[in-house]
C-alpha atoms as a PDB file:
ATOM      1  CA  MET A   1     110.363 115.959  38.678  1.00  0.00           C
ATOM      2  CA  TYR A   2     111.116 118.468  35.951  1.00  0.00           C
ATOM      3  CA  ILE A   3     109.079 119.536  32.960  1.00  0.00           C
ATOM      4  CA  PHE A   4     111.984 119.484  30.533  1.00  0.00           C
ATOM      5  CA  GLN A   5     114.813 117.058  30.070  1.00  0.00           C
ATOM      6  CA  LYS A   6     118.200 118.089  31.368  1.00  0.00           C
ATOM      7  CA  GLY A   7     119.977 120.384  28.909  1.00  0.00           C
ATOM      8  CA  SER A   8     116.800 121.284  26.962  1.00  0.00           C
ATOM      9  CA  PRO A   9     117.031 124.671  25.165  1.00  0.00           C
ATOM     10  CA  LEU A  10     113.442 125.447  26.224  1.00  0.00           C
ATOM     11  CA  VAL A  11     114.409 125.842  29.910  1.00  0.00           C
ATOM     12  CA  GLU A  12     115.925 129.308  29.439  1.00  0.00           C
ATOM     13  CA  ASP A  13     113.014 130.545  27.324  1.00  0.00           C
ATOM     14  CA  VAL A  14     110.353 129.326  29.765  1.00  0.00           C
ATOM     15  CA  SER A  15     112.273 130.725  32.759  1.00  0.00           C
ATOM     16  CA  ARG A  16     112.544 134.091  31.012  1.00  0.00           C
ATOM     17  CA  VAL A  17     108.798 134.171  30.280  1.00  0.00           C
ATOM     18  CA  ILE A  18     107.907 133.207  33.864  1.00  0.00           C
ATOM     19  CA  ALA A  19     110.174 135.976  35.203  1.00  0.00           C
ATOM     20  CA  ARG A  20     108.576 138.494  32.824  1.00  0.00           C
ATOM     21  CA  ILE A  21     104.961 137.620  33.740  1.00  0.00           C
ATOM     22  CA  ARG A  22     105.916 137.710  37.409  1.00  0.00           C
ATOM     23  CA  LEU A  23     107.311 141.244  37.018  1.00  0.00           C
ATOM     24  CA  ASP A  24     104.354 142.627  35.082  1.00  0.00           C
ATOM     25  CA  LYS A  25     101.888 141.111  37.617  1.00  0.00           C
ATOM     26  CA  THR A  26     100.257 138.805  35.048  1.00  0.00           C
ATOM     27  CA  LEU A  27     101.145 135.769  37.160  1.00  0.00           C
ATOM     28  CA  GLU A  28      99.575 137.401  40.231  1.00  0.00           C
ATOM     29  CA  SER A  29      96.309 138.100  38.391  1.00  0.00           C
ATOM     30  CA  VAL A  30      96.166 134.497  37.113  1.00  0.00           C
ATOM     31  CA  GLU A  31      96.764 133.231  40.653  1.00  0.00           C
ATOM     32  CA  ASN A  32      94.026 135.477  42.029  1.00  0.00           C
ATOM     33  CA  ARG A  33      91.593 134.360  39.338  1.00  0.00           C
ATOM     34  CA  TRP A  34      92.241 130.651  39.915  1.00  0.00           C
ATOM     35  CA  PHE A  35      93.030 130.490  43.626  1.00  0.00           C
ATOM     36  CA  GLY A  36      91.141 133.489  45.000  1.00  0.00           C
ATOM     37  CA  ASN A  37      92.345 135.028  48.233  1.00  0.00           C
ATOM     38  CA  ARG A  38      94.556 132.120  49.228  1.00  0.00           C
ATOM     39  CA  LEU A  39      98.179 132.880  50.013  1.00  0.00           C
ATOM     40  CA  SER A  40     100.232 132.721  46.849  1.00  0.00           C
ATOM     41  CA  VAL A  41     103.062 130.209  46.893  1.00  0.00           C
ATOM     42  CA  LEU A  42     104.985 132.081  44.223  1.00  0.00           C
ATOM     43  CA  SER A  43     104.558 135.495  45.810  1.00  0.00           C
ATOM     44  CA  ARG A  44     107.853 137.137  46.760  1.00  0.00           C
ATOM     45  CA  ASN A  45     106.111 139.668  49.045  1.00  0.00           C
ATOM     46  CA  SER A  46     104.834 137.059  51.492  1.00  0.00           C
ATOM     47  CA  THR A  47     106.310 136.988  54.961  1.00  0.00           C
ATOM     48  CA  MET A  48     108.699 134.220  55.844  1.00  0.00           C
ATOM     49  CA  PRO A  49     107.315 131.490  58.098  1.00  0.00           C
ATOM     50  CA  GLN A  50     108.226 131.813  61.749  1.00  0.00           C
ATOM     51  CA  ALA A  51     111.093 129.708  62.997  1.00  0.00           C
ATOM     52  CA  LEU A  52     110.276 126.753  65.197  1.00  0.00           C
ATOM     53  CA  LYS A  53     111.220 127.309  68.812  1.00  0.00           C
ATOM     54  CA  LEU A  54     111.102 125.073  71.849  1.00  0.00           C
ATOM     55  CA  ASP A  55     108.078 126.850  73.338  1.00  0.00           C
ATOM     56  CA  ARG A  56     106.001 125.930  70.261  1.00  0.00           C
ATOM     57  CA  PHE A  57     106.279 122.256  71.234  1.00  0.00           C
ATOM     58  CA  GLY A  58     104.615 122.693  74.651  1.00  0.00           C
ATOM     59  CA  GLY A  59     101.492 120.769  73.679  1.00  0.00           C
ATOM     60  CA  LEU A  60     103.547 117.930  72.280  1.00  0.00           C
ATOM     61  CA  PHE A  61     105.557 117.739  75.522  1.00  0.00           C
ATOM     62  CA  ILE A  62     102.361 117.656  77.575  1.00  0.00           C
ATOM     63  CA  ILE A  63     100.860 114.886  75.454  1.00  0.00           C
ATOM     64  CA  SER A  64     104.108 112.890  75.616  1.00  0.00           C
ATOM     65  CA  GLY A  65     104.336 113.330  79.382  1.00  0.00           C
ATOM     66  CA  ILE A  66     100.737 112.228  79.942  1.00  0.00           C
ATOM     67  CA  THR A  67     101.195 109.231  77.648  1.00  0.00           C
ATOM     68  CA  CYS A  68     104.409 108.131  79.387  1.00  0.00           C
ATOM     69  CA  THR A  69     102.802 108.570  82.810  1.00  0.00           C
ATOM     70  CA  LEU A  70      99.793 106.480  81.796  1.00  0.00           C
ATOM     71  CA  ALA A  71     102.046 103.776  80.350  1.00  0.00           C
ATOM     72  CA  LEU A  72     104.089 103.692  83.578  1.00  0.00           C
ATOM     73  CA  MET A  73     100.945 103.461  85.709  1.00  0.00           C
ATOM     74  CA  MET A  74      99.566 100.656  83.553  1.00  0.00           C
ATOM     75  CA  SER A  75     102.865  98.782  83.825  1.00  0.00           C
ATOM     76  CA  ILE A  76     102.909  99.143  87.614  1.00  0.00           C
ATOM     77  CA  LEU A  77      99.278  98.013  87.865  1.00  0.00           C
ATOM     78  CA  HIS A  78     100.042  95.038  85.646  1.00  0.00           C
ATOM     79  CA  GLN A  79     102.982  94.053  87.847  1.00  0.00           C
ATOM     80  CA  LEU A  80     100.924  94.449  91.022  1.00  0.00           C
ATOM     81  CA  HIS A  81      98.100  92.436  89.527  1.00  0.00           C
ATOM     82  CA  GLY A  82     100.548  89.652  88.635  1.00  0.00           C
ATOM     83  CA  LYS A  83     101.977  89.626  92.157  1.00  0.00           C
ATOM     84  CA  MET A  84      98.502  89.583  93.657  1.00  0.00           C
ATOM     85  CA  GLU A  85      97.647  86.568  91.512  1.00  0.00           C
ATOM     86  CA  VAL A  86     100.800  84.765  92.686  1.00  0.00           C
ATOM     87  CA  TYR A  87      99.974  85.597  96.313  1.00  0.00           C
ATOM     88  CA  SER A  88      96.414  84.320  95.801  1.00  0.00           C
ATOM     89  CA  ILE A  89      97.660  81.054  94.310  1.00  0.00           C
ATOM     90  CA  ILE A  90     100.153  80.540  97.149  1.00  0.00           C
ATOM     91  CA  SER A  91      97.558  81.328  99.797  1.00  0.00           C
ATOM     92  CA  VAL A  92      95.113  78.846  98.250  1.00  0.00           C
ATOM     93  CA  LEU A  93      97.786  76.134  98.047  1.00  0.00           C
ATOM     94  CA  VAL A  94      99.169  76.530 101.552  1.00  0.00           C
ATOM     95  CA  GLY A  95      96.158  77.969 103.324  1.00  0.00           C
ATOM     96  CA  ARG A  96      95.505  81.381 104.800  1.00  0.00           C
ATOM     97  CA  ASN A  97      98.396  81.358 107.230  1.00  0.00           C
ATOM     98  CA  LEU A  98     101.336  81.842 104.832  1.00  0.00           C
ATOM     99  CA  MET A  99     103.796  83.046 107.454  1.00  0.00           C
ATOM    100  CA  ALA A 100     103.176  79.995 109.648  1.00  0.00           C
ATOM    101  CA  THR A 101     103.788  77.710 106.661  1.00  0.00           C
ATOM    102  CA  ILE A 102     107.030  79.514 105.776  1.00  0.00           C
ATOM    103  CA  ARG A 103     108.225  79.315 109.411  1.00  0.00           C
ATOM    104  CA  HIS A 104     107.402  75.623 109.486  1.00  0.00           C
ATOM    105  CA  LEU A 105     109.359  74.997 106.252  1.00  0.00           C
ATOM    106  CA  LEU A 106     112.332  77.019 107.501  1.00  0.00           C
ATOM    107  CA  TYR A 107     112.344  75.356 110.899  1.00  0.00           C
ATOM    108  CA  ARG A 108     112.023  71.891 109.349  1.00  0.00           C
ATOM    109  CA  ASN A 109     114.981  72.706 107.059  1.00  0.00           C
ATOM    110  CA  VAL A 110     117.105  73.798 110.031  1.00  0.00           C
ATOM    111  CA  VAL A 111     116.265  70.717 112.075  1.00  0.00           C
ATOM    112  CA  GLN A 112     117.077  68.320 109.207  1.00  0.00           C
ATOM    113  CA  THR A 113     120.567  69.750 108.654  1.00  0.00           C
END
């Protein structure tokens, strides 16, 4: 968003005045009066922000790794729980001796063919 419309003759005048008050430190004194000791956004003497490097994301990688590990463990536990429920249902339906029931069904199938 701009203060003036595109092509306004006031743009050059306002830019010139801002440049002048920046050079004679008037802008800096106004900033100090209104914003105190905070870092000035318009200050040209401020240091440039440090570049982002891979080692600055270490915490993010750790959090992501822990989250993915927890999600994997929850998925495995959910699958195991589902299989345990199926095993429980089968064992209730056919009794405690599942292997004997399976052998009986297999042997019966072989004899009938």
